[in-house]
């Protein structure tokens, strides 16, 4: 897999309270990924980019939300979320030690 496709698959880490709880309890990391990405592609991209061993990938499609803007209805776009299980002893630090 080429470097350009890796950056197309992995859009951003999804940092939230739920993802922090999942990460501490199950050694998982949550990413926002491209809608066209498959589980093997996500696993290969995370392994190549962060140099970690991936145990498994679970995917969730986040549905679009209906919102109003100045009284007019609108729709936020939906996106795909990937829960990546890392091998025992592996870790990804997005803050790069900034909290110390």
Foldseek 3Di string as FASTA:
>chain_A
DDPVVLCQFFPAWDDDPVQVVCCVPQVKTKTFGAPPDDFVSNQVSCCVPQVFHWDGKDKDKACWDWDDDPNHIDIDHITMMMITGTDPPDHDDPCVPPVD
